[in-house]
Amino acid sequence: MTKTVNWGVLSTALIGREKVIPAMQKGTVSRVTAIASRDLATAQRTAGALGIPKAYGSYEELLADPDIQAIYNPLPNHLHVPWTIKALEAGKHVLCEKPIALDTAEARTLLAARDRSGLIVAEAFMVRYTPWWQRVRALVREGRLGEVHAIQTAFTYFLDDPTNIRNMAGIGGGGLMDIGCYAIATARYIYGAEPLKVSGLIDRDPTMGTDRLTSAVMQFPTGHLTFTCSTQLAPHQRVTVMGTKARVEVMIPFNAPPDAPCRIVIDDGEALDGSGAVAETFAVADQYTLQGDAVSRAILGEFPLEFPLEDAAANMRVIDAVFRSAESGAWETP
């Protein structure tokens, strides 16, 4: 009989209800067995809709459940570290939404708590578990693109509702924390290295105070990352990895559909109209299912966690450097 991990979910957050929980329920070794809200009726309603056996009216009750081995934490950014630490203290492993913390100092407190507990904490960058992103990294490592010296990333959407948590500056809202973090994480994933220095430019919403438009340039040991993210532009996503022999484009790099194939496009540039490009199409796969099972298998001891909490702290250091650079107007070192 296959061993499984029993997961509990802290809160009825939208991303959990609509994306992560249904996906994890399709997993081979992941079981979502409980959900908690600060309102019992809300928890019960969500549990009923999603077929989750247990509902709790407080997060503390969920953490006290001895049958739960791991916690998925999709709370707002300012609650990532406090409740992840509480989960660790209750003896639970944790998969926490990104970004892992509000800043590097807070990430360090989480690292210390993880070390004390001896448990697993993973940051929920689901894209790195997908076959299309793994293929891009393989193309780079195999030399199919030649020497990779540039990555360009765009990630934008339009959301100007001041009541949405993504637009609340005091709790870690804004474009860089919400979506710019993906550009940084995937560049670090592809280069297999940390940036040496960072230059950032930020435009803040005059009312909400959040960064509504952030662009950055980063120098890695072998190349550059340039990215733009925005919470107030027409929706767009694209990553282009450029080498001396060819480039590869990830067509829907971040919000990959769970019910349709995904594509990458490889182009050696011989035909500037793109007619020489070759597309690779991947079978339908839900990136949240893949992520959930990967973390569950690490919890079960089947293999080490590929992206431990140290990776999340490193990503946080780069985010902090972008913010510092936007304030100082100078290059900053993560």
Protein backbone atom coordinates (compact mmCIF):
# COMPACT_ATOMS: atom_id res chain seq x y z
CA MET A 1 0.00 0.00 0.00
CA THR A 2 1.34 3.42 -1.00
CA LYS A 3 2.17 5.70 1.91
CA THR A 4 0.50 9.10 1.87
CA VAL A 5 0.81 12.42 3.68
CA ASN A 6 -2.24 13.96 5.37
CA TRP A 7 -2.38 17.70 4.70
CA GLY A 8 -4.24 20.41 6.55
CA VAL A 9 -4.89 23.84 5.01
CA LEU A 10 -4.62 27.09 6.96
CA SER A 11 -7.44 29.31 5.69
CA THR A 12 -9.95 29.21 2.86
CA ALA A 13 -7.84 31.50 0.66
CA LEU A 14 -8.81 31.72 -2.99
CA ILE A 15 -5.63 30.17 -4.34
CA GLY A 16 -6.17 27.17 -2.10
CA ARG A 17 -9.85 26.73 -2.92
CA GLU A 18 -9.53 27.16 -6.66
CA LYS A 19 -6.07 25.85 -7.53
CA VAL A 20 -3.94 24.13 -4.92
CA ILE A 21 -6.41 21.99 -2.97
CA PRO A 22 -8.21 20.46 -6.00
CA ALA A 23 -4.81 19.76 -7.54
CA MET A 24 -3.34 18.15 -4.42
CA GLN A 25 -6.45 15.98 -4.13
CA LYS A 26 -5.43 14.42 -7.46
CA GLY A 27 -2.02 13.52 -6.11
CA THR A 28 -0.65 10.04 -5.64
CA VAL A 29 0.79 10.54 -2.16
CA SER A 30 -1.01 13.71 -0.97
CA ARG A 31 -4.30 13.74 0.91
CA VAL A 32 -6.05 16.97 1.97
CA THR A 33 -7.88 15.87 5.10
CA ALA A 34 -8.63 19.11 6.96
CA ILE A 35 -9.12 22.83 6.45
CA ALA A 36 -9.37 25.68 8.95
CA SER A 37 -10.87 29.15 8.92
CA ARG A 38 -11.33 31.72 11.63
CA ASP A 39 -15.04 31.14 11.02
CA LEU A 40 -16.27 27.55 11.46
CA ALA A 41 -19.18 27.97 9.04
CA THR A 42 -16.81 29.14 6.32
CA ALA A 43 -14.50 26.19 6.94
CA GLN A 44 -17.43 23.76 6.88
CA ARG A 45 -18.81 25.24 3.68
CA THR A 46 -15.44 25.05 1.95
CA ALA A 47 -14.77 21.55 3.23
CA GLY A 48 -18.15 20.41 1.93
CA ALA A 49 -17.61 21.96 -1.49
CA LEU A 50 -14.17 20.39 -1.86
CA GLY A 51 -14.85 17.04 -0.19
CA ILE A 52 -12.44 17.62 2.70
CA PRO A 53 -13.29 15.38 5.69
CA LYS A 54 -12.55 17.80 8.56
CA ALA A 55 -13.28 21.49 9.14
CA TYR A 56 -11.99 23.62 12.01
CA GLY A 57 -13.04 27.06 13.25
CA SER A 58 -9.52 28.10 14.21
CA TYR A 59 -6.00 27.55 12.94
CA GLU A 60 -4.93 26.37 16.38
CA GLU A 61 -7.42 23.48 16.28
CA LEU A 62 -6.07 22.35 12.94
CA LEU A 63 -2.48 22.43 14.18
CA ALA A 64 -3.52 20.33 17.20
CA ASP A 65 -4.93 17.54 15.02
CA PRO A 66 -2.59 14.54 15.51
CA ASP A 67 -3.62 13.01 12.19
CA ILE A 68 -2.26 15.94 10.18
CA GLN A 69 1.37 15.55 9.13
CA ALA A 70 1.81 18.64 6.96
CA ILE A 71 0.34 22.11 6.57
CA TYR A 72 -0.28 24.14 3.42
CA ASN A 73 -0.08 27.84 4.32
CA PRO A 74 -1.72 30.19 1.77
CA LEU A 75 -2.27 33.02 4.25
CA PRO A 76 -1.43 36.64 3.33
CA ASN A 77 2.30 37.38 3.12
CA HIS A 78 2.65 38.88 6.60
CA LEU A 79 1.30 35.66 8.13
CA HIS A 80 3.59 33.26 6.27
CA VAL A 81 6.37 33.16 8.85
CA PRO A 82 4.32 33.43 12.07
CA TRP A 83 1.96 30.59 11.19
CA THR A 84 4.63 28.44 9.57
CA ILE A 85 6.59 28.67 12.81
CA LYS A 86 3.45 27.73 14.79
CA ALA A 87 2.97 24.74 12.50
CA LEU A 88 6.58 23.65 13.03
CA GLU A 89 6.17 23.98 16.78
CA ALA A 90 3.10 21.73 16.47
CA GLY A 91 5.24 19.11 14.74
CA LYS A 92 3.97 19.68 11.19
CA HIS A 93 5.91 19.98 7.95
CA VAL A 94 4.93 23.05 5.89
CA LEU A 95 4.40 24.04 2.27
CA CYS A 96 4.14 27.85 2.40
CA GLU A 97 3.05 30.18 -0.37
CA LYS A 98 5.58 32.55 -1.83
CA PRO A 99 7.20 34.84 -0.96
CA ILE A 100 8.37 32.94 2.09
CA ALA A 101 8.68 36.09 4.25
CA LEU A 102 8.35 39.86 4.29
CA ASP A 103 12.14 40.31 4.25
CA THR A 104 15.43 38.50 4.73
CA ALA A 105 15.52 39.02 8.48
CA GLU A 106 12.15 37.33 8.87
CA ALA A 107 13.28 34.49 6.60
CA ARG A 108 16.24 33.93 8.92
CA THR A 109 13.91 33.49 11.89
CA LEU A 110 12.07 30.83 9.91
CA LEU A 111 15.31 29.06 9.04
CA ALA A 112 16.16 28.93 12.72
CA ALA A 113 12.72 27.52 13.57
CA ARG A 114 13.06 24.92 10.83
CA ASP A 115 16.45 23.87 12.17
CA ARG A 116 15.06 23.54 15.71
CA SER A 117 12.18 21.39 14.51
CA GLY A 118 14.05 19.14 12.10
CA LEU A 119 11.01 19.33 9.80
CA ILE A 120 10.58 20.32 6.16
CA VAL A 121 9.56 23.79 5.02
CA ALA A 122 9.08 24.33 1.29
CA GLU A 123 8.24 27.51 -0.62
CA ALA A 124 5.42 27.05 -3.12
CA PHE A 125 7.16 27.90 -6.40
CA MET A 126 5.20 25.24 -8.27
CA VAL A 127 6.70 26.05 -11.68
CA ARG A 128 9.98 24.28 -10.92
CA TYR A 129 8.20 20.93 -10.65
CA THR A 130 6.82 21.03 -14.20
CA PRO A 131 8.22 19.05 -17.14
CA TRP A 132 8.35 22.16 -19.35
CA TRP A 133 10.50 24.19 -16.97
CA GLN A 134 12.65 21.13 -16.30
CA ARG A 135 13.06 20.77 -20.07
CA VAL A 136 14.19 24.39 -20.39
CA ARG A 137 16.82 23.85 -17.70
CA ALA A 138 17.94 20.64 -19.44
CA LEU A 139 18.29 22.46 -22.77
CA VAL A 140 20.53 25.01 -21.08
CA ARG A 141 22.66 22.39 -19.32
CA GLU A 142 23.00 20.29 -22.48
CA GLY A 143 24.26 23.28 -24.45
CA ARG A 144 21.37 23.22 -26.93
CA LEU A 145 21.14 27.02 -26.70
CA GLY A 146 24.91 27.54 -26.65
CA GLU A 147 26.13 29.80 -23.87
CA VAL A 148 23.13 31.40 -22.13
CA HIS A 149 23.82 35.04 -21.36
CA ALA A 150 20.36 36.63 -21.08
CA ILE A 151 16.91 35.93 -19.66
CA GLN A 152 14.01 38.30 -20.22
CA THR A 153 10.82 37.93 -18.21
CA ALA A 154 7.46 39.71 -18.28
CA PHE A 155 4.66 39.03 -15.79
CA THR A 156 1.72 41.43 -15.54
CA TYR A 157 -1.96 41.63 -14.62
CA PHE A 158 -4.42 44.42 -13.88
CA LEU A 159 -5.85 44.72 -10.36
CA ASP A 160 -6.60 48.13 -8.81
CA ASP A 161 -8.98 47.04 -6.04
CA PRO A 162 -7.62 48.56 -2.79
CA THR A 163 -9.39 45.90 -0.69
CA ASN A 164 -7.46 43.06 -2.32
CA ILE A 165 -4.55 41.82 -0.18
CA ARG A 166 -2.22 42.10 -3.19
CA ASN A 167 -2.75 45.88 -3.03
CA MET A 168 -2.09 46.30 0.69
CA ALA A 169 1.42 47.65 1.23
CA GLY A 170 1.47 47.04 4.98
CA ILE A 171 1.08 43.27 4.67
CA GLY A 172 3.53 42.59 1.85
CA GLY A 173 1.42 43.46 -1.17
CA GLY A 174 2.67 44.77 -4.50
CA GLY A 175 3.98 43.42 -7.75
CA LEU A 176 7.52 42.44 -6.75
CA MET A 177 6.42 40.30 -3.81
CA ASP A 178 3.46 38.78 -5.67
CA ILE A 179 4.83 38.05 -9.14
CA GLY A 180 8.31 39.56 -9.54
CA CYS A 181 9.50 36.84 -7.19
CA TYR A 182 8.79 34.32 -9.97
CA ALA A 183 11.11 36.10 -12.39
CA ILE A 184 13.89 35.97 -9.81
CA ALA A 185 13.29 32.34 -8.80
CA THR A 186 13.17 31.03 -12.36
CA ALA A 187 16.33 32.92 -13.40
CA ARG A 188 18.18 31.48 -10.41
CA TYR A 189 16.79 28.06 -11.40
CA ILE A 190 18.00 28.34 -15.00
CA TYR A 191 21.41 29.87 -14.27
CA GLY A 192 21.96 27.63 -11.26
CA ALA A 193 23.55 30.59 -9.49
CA GLU A 194 22.85 33.70 -7.44
CA PRO A 195 22.93 37.25 -8.86
CA LEU A 196 26.03 39.28 -8.08
CA LYS A 197 24.36 42.68 -8.18
CA VAL A 198 20.92 44.14 -8.76
CA SER A 199 19.46 47.38 -10.09
CA GLY A 200 15.77 48.11 -9.59
CA LEU A 201 13.24 50.71 -10.67
CA ILE A 202 9.84 51.00 -8.98
CA ASP A 203 6.70 53.04 -9.60
CA ARG A 204 4.29 53.03 -6.67
CA ASP A 205 0.56 53.54 -6.71
CA PRO A 206 -0.01 57.01 -5.22
CA THR A 207 -3.01 55.85 -3.19
CA MET A 208 -2.21 52.29 -2.17
CA GLY A 209 1.56 52.66 -1.84
CA THR A 210 2.28 49.30 -3.47
CA ASP A 211 4.76 48.86 -6.29
CA ARG A 212 2.50 48.72 -9.34
CA LEU A 213 5.38 48.62 -11.82
CA THR A 214 8.79 47.14 -11.07
CA SER A 215 11.65 46.52 -13.47
CA ALA A 216 15.08 45.16 -12.63
CA VAL A 217 18.40 44.18 -14.14
CA MET A 218 20.52 41.51 -12.47
CA GLN A 219 24.04 40.38 -13.18
CA PHE A 220 24.61 36.65 -12.73
CA PRO A 221 28.06 35.06 -13.05
CA THR A 222 27.40 34.08 -16.68
CA GLY A 223 24.63 36.39 -17.83
CA HIS A 224 21.86 38.86 -17.11
CA LEU A 225 18.21 38.82 -16.07
CA THR A 226 15.93 41.68 -17.07
CA PHE A 227 12.32 41.64 -15.96
CA THR A 228 9.23 43.76 -15.64
CA CYS A 229 6.29 42.94 -13.43
CA SER A 230 3.16 44.97 -12.91
CA THR A 231 -0.17 44.83 -11.12
CA GLN A 232 -1.64 47.52 -13.37
CA LEU A 233 -0.91 46.46 -16.95
CA ALA A 234 -2.78 44.20 -19.37
CA PRO A 235 -2.18 40.52 -18.48
CA HIS A 236 0.93 39.05 -20.06
CA GLN A 237 3.43 36.31 -19.26
CA ARG A 238 6.53 35.27 -21.16
CA VAL A 239 10.05 34.11 -20.40
CA THR A 240 12.78 34.08 -23.05
CA VAL A 241 16.10 32.35 -22.36
CA MET A 242 18.71 33.49 -24.89
CA GLY A 243 21.92 31.74 -25.81
CA THR A 244 24.64 32.04 -28.43
CA LYS A 245 23.07 29.30 -30.59
CA ALA A 246 19.35 29.58 -29.92
CA ARG A 247 16.68 30.90 -27.61
CA VAL A 248 13.75 29.22 -25.91
CA GLU A 249 10.46 30.87 -24.99
CA VAL A 250 8.18 29.55 -22.25
CA MET A 251 4.77 30.49 -23.58
CA ILE A 252 2.73 30.40 -20.34
CA PRO A 253 5.51 30.27 -17.79
CA PHE A 254 3.65 30.84 -14.54
CA ASN A 255 -0.14 30.35 -14.68
CA ALA A 256 0.05 27.19 -16.76
CA PRO A 257 -3.43 25.72 -17.38
CA PRO A 258 -4.12 22.44 -15.56
CA ASP A 259 -6.34 21.14 -18.36
CA ALA A 260 -4.43 22.01 -21.54
CA PRO A 261 -0.99 21.20 -22.96
CA CYS A 262 1.87 23.66 -22.41
CA ARG A 263 4.48 24.68 -24.98
CA ILE A 264 7.99 25.94 -25.24
CA VAL A 265 9.41 27.29 -28.50
CA ILE A 266 13.05 26.86 -29.56
CA ASP A 267 14.38 29.18 -32.26
CA ASP A 268 17.90 29.45 -33.67
CA GLY A 269 17.06 32.83 -35.20
CA GLU A 270 17.95 31.90 -38.78
CA ALA A 271 14.54 33.15 -39.90
CA LEU A 272 13.74 36.41 -38.15
CA ASP A 273 10.01 35.95 -38.78
CA GLY A 274 10.09 32.89 -36.52
CA SER A 275 9.28 30.43 -39.30
CA GLY A 276 12.21 28.24 -38.26
CA ALA A 277 11.06 27.88 -34.67
CA VAL A 278 10.34 24.43 -33.27
CA ALA A 279 7.65 23.96 -30.63
CA GLU A 280 7.68 21.27 -27.97
CA THR A 281 4.31 20.43 -26.46
CA PHE A 282 3.90 18.76 -23.08
CA ALA A 283 1.11 16.53 -21.90
CA VAL A 284 -1.54 18.02 -19.66
CA ALA A 285 -0.25 18.26 -16.09
CA ASP A 286 -1.29 20.29 -13.06
CA GLN A 287 1.75 22.02 -11.61
CA TYR A 288 0.16 22.14 -8.15
CA THR A 289 -0.38 18.37 -8.18
CA LEU A 290 3.26 17.86 -9.11
CA GLN A 291 4.39 20.24 -6.38
CA GLY A 292 2.23 18.64 -3.70
CA ASP A 293 3.42 15.14 -4.45
CA ALA A 294 7.07 16.22 -4.65
CA VAL A 295 6.90 17.76 -1.19
CA SER A 296 4.92 14.80 0.15
CA ARG A 297 7.56 12.38 -1.15
CA ALA A 298 10.26 14.43 0.55
CA ILE A 299 8.28 14.26 3.80
CA LEU A 300 7.97 10.49 3.37
CA GLY A 301 11.76 10.34 3.02
CA GLU A 302 11.74 9.06 -0.55
CA PHE A 303 14.25 11.72 -1.63
CA PRO A 304 15.63 15.05 -0.37
CA LEU A 305 13.66 18.22 -1.02
CA GLU A 306 15.16 19.71 -4.19
CA PHE A 307 14.44 23.31 -3.16
CA PRO A 308 14.90 23.59 0.62
CA LEU A 309 14.16 26.64 2.72
CA GLU A 310 17.65 28.01 2.06
CA ASP A 311 16.58 28.54 -1.56
CA ALA A 312 13.57 30.57 -0.40
CA ALA A 313 15.78 32.72 1.83
CA ALA A 314 18.14 33.33 -1.10
CA ASN A 315 15.22 34.49 -3.26
CA MET A 316 14.16 36.83 -0.46
CA ARG A 317 17.63 38.37 -0.34
CA VAL A 318 17.34 39.27 -4.03
CA ILE A 319 13.87 40.77 -3.57
CA ASP A 320 15.21 42.92 -0.74
CA ALA A 321 18.08 44.05 -2.96
CA VAL A 322 15.65 45.21 -5.66
CA PHE A 323 13.74 47.27 -3.11
CA ARG A 324 16.98 48.76 -1.77
CA SER A 325 18.21 49.63 -5.23
CA ALA A 326 14.96 51.38 -6.11
CA GLU A 327 15.45 53.55 -3.02
CA SER A 328 19.19 54.18 -3.36
CA GLY A 329 19.33 54.51 -7.13
CA ALA A 330 22.48 52.39 -7.05
CA TRP A 331 23.47 48.79 -7.71
CA GLU A 332 22.88 46.63 -4.65
CA THR A 333 24.35 43.28 -3.65
CA PRO A 334 21.91 40.61 -2.41
